[in-house]
Protein backbone atom coordinates (compact mmCIF):
# COMPACT_ATOMS: atom_id res chain seq x y z
CA UNK A 1 -6.94 29.87 6.86
CA UNK A 2 -3.34 29.24 6.85
CA UNK A 3 -1.38 28.42 10.32
CA UNK A 4 -0.23 31.44 11.88
CA UNK A 5 3.50 31.72 11.97
CA UNK A 6 3.61 28.53 9.68
CA UNK A 7 7.17 26.88 9.21
CA UNK A 8 8.51 26.91 5.70
CA UNK A 9 7.33 23.65 3.89
CA UNK A 10 9.03 22.44 0.94
CA UNK A 11 8.06 18.99 -0.85
CA UNK A 12 10.22 17.31 -3.43
CA UNK A 13 7.94 15.20 -5.58
CA UNK A 14 7.63 13.64 -9.11
CA UNK A 15 4.37 13.73 -11.00
CA UNK A 16 3.71 9.79 -10.64
CA UNK A 17 4.37 9.51 -6.96
CA UNK A 18 1.25 8.42 -5.19
CA UNK A 19 2.82 9.57 -1.77
CA UNK A 20 3.60 12.85 -3.26
CA UNK A 21 0.06 13.29 -3.99
CA UNK A 22 -1.35 12.13 -0.67
CA UNK A 23 1.11 14.56 1.16
CA UNK A 24 0.07 17.54 -1.04
CA UNK A 25 -3.57 16.58 -0.55
CA UNK A 26 -2.81 16.31 3.40
CA UNK A 27 -1.43 19.63 3.31
CA UNK A 28 -4.09 21.39 1.51
CA UNK A 29 -6.56 19.81 3.77
CA UNK A 30 -4.82 21.22 6.92
CA UNK A 31 -4.23 24.79 5.07
CA UNK A 32 -0.55 24.36 5.18
CA UNK A 33 1.33 26.37 2.62
CA UNK A 34 4.14 24.33 0.73
CA UNK A 35 6.24 24.84 -2.25
CA UNK A 36 6.47 21.99 -4.52
CA UNK A 37 9.65 20.94 -6.36
CA UNK A 38 9.34 18.39 -9.17
CA UNK A 39 12.83 16.72 -9.10
CA UNK A 40 12.02 14.94 -12.25
CA UNK A 41 12.19 18.49 -14.01
CA UNK A 42 14.79 20.00 -11.87
CA UNK A 43 18.29 17.79 -11.80
CA UNK A 44 19.98 20.67 -9.47
CA UNK A 45 16.78 20.02 -7.10
CA UNK A 46 17.14 16.43 -7.28
CA UNK A 47 21.11 16.65 -6.33
CA UNK A 48 20.30 19.13 -3.70
CA UNK A 49 17.65 16.90 -2.07
CA UNK A 50 19.91 14.08 -2.46
CA UNK A 51 22.79 16.23 -0.69
CA UNK A 52 20.58 17.17 2.27
CA UNK A 53 18.89 13.82 2.91
CA UNK A 54 20.96 11.01 1.17
CA UNK A 55 17.70 9.90 -0.52
CA UNK A 56 16.94 9.60 -4.18
CA UNK A 57 13.20 8.67 -3.55
CA UNK A 58 10.34 10.90 -2.93
CA UNK A 59 8.53 12.48 -1.31
CA UNK A 60 11.00 14.30 0.81
CA UNK A 61 9.43 16.98 2.91
CA UNK A 62 11.21 19.93 4.49
CA UNK A 63 9.97 21.73 7.37
CA UNK A 64 12.02 24.50 8.41
CA UNK A 65 14.97 22.47 6.59
CA UNK A 66 14.27 19.47 8.60
CA UNK A 67 14.09 16.59 6.31
CA UNK A 68 11.15 13.92 6.60
CA UNK A 69 11.53 11.01 4.16
CA UNK A 70 8.27 9.67 3.00
CA UNK A 71 4.73 10.72 3.88
CA UNK A 72 5.26 10.37 7.48
CA UNK A 73 2.10 12.07 9.18
CA UNK A 74 3.12 11.65 12.93
CA UNK A 75 6.39 13.59 11.93
CA UNK A 76 4.74 16.08 9.83
CA UNK A 77 2.26 16.75 12.52
CA UNK A 78 4.89 17.20 15.06
CA UNK A 79 7.05 19.56 13.33
CA UNK A 80 3.99 21.50 12.41
CA UNK A 81 2.53 21.27 15.68
CA UNK A 82 -0.79 19.82 14.31
CA UNK A 83 -2.83 18.00 16.73
């Protein structure tokens, strides 16, 4: 069951990124709905991610438009109010 009133979660990924896969697996385990954006296939999304965060590496996770660079579980849990 998904979290009630869950914030909007977007994860910028590439197919070969192991941390991206770990983050997606974590979201699935916690029943967090997310939108995945593959920046290796979507140049506009890659530029948008870079503009928002200054980062070229993935994963970049946006939770209600607040960026998290990398698979940072404490930050993710904090922004999603997961204990």
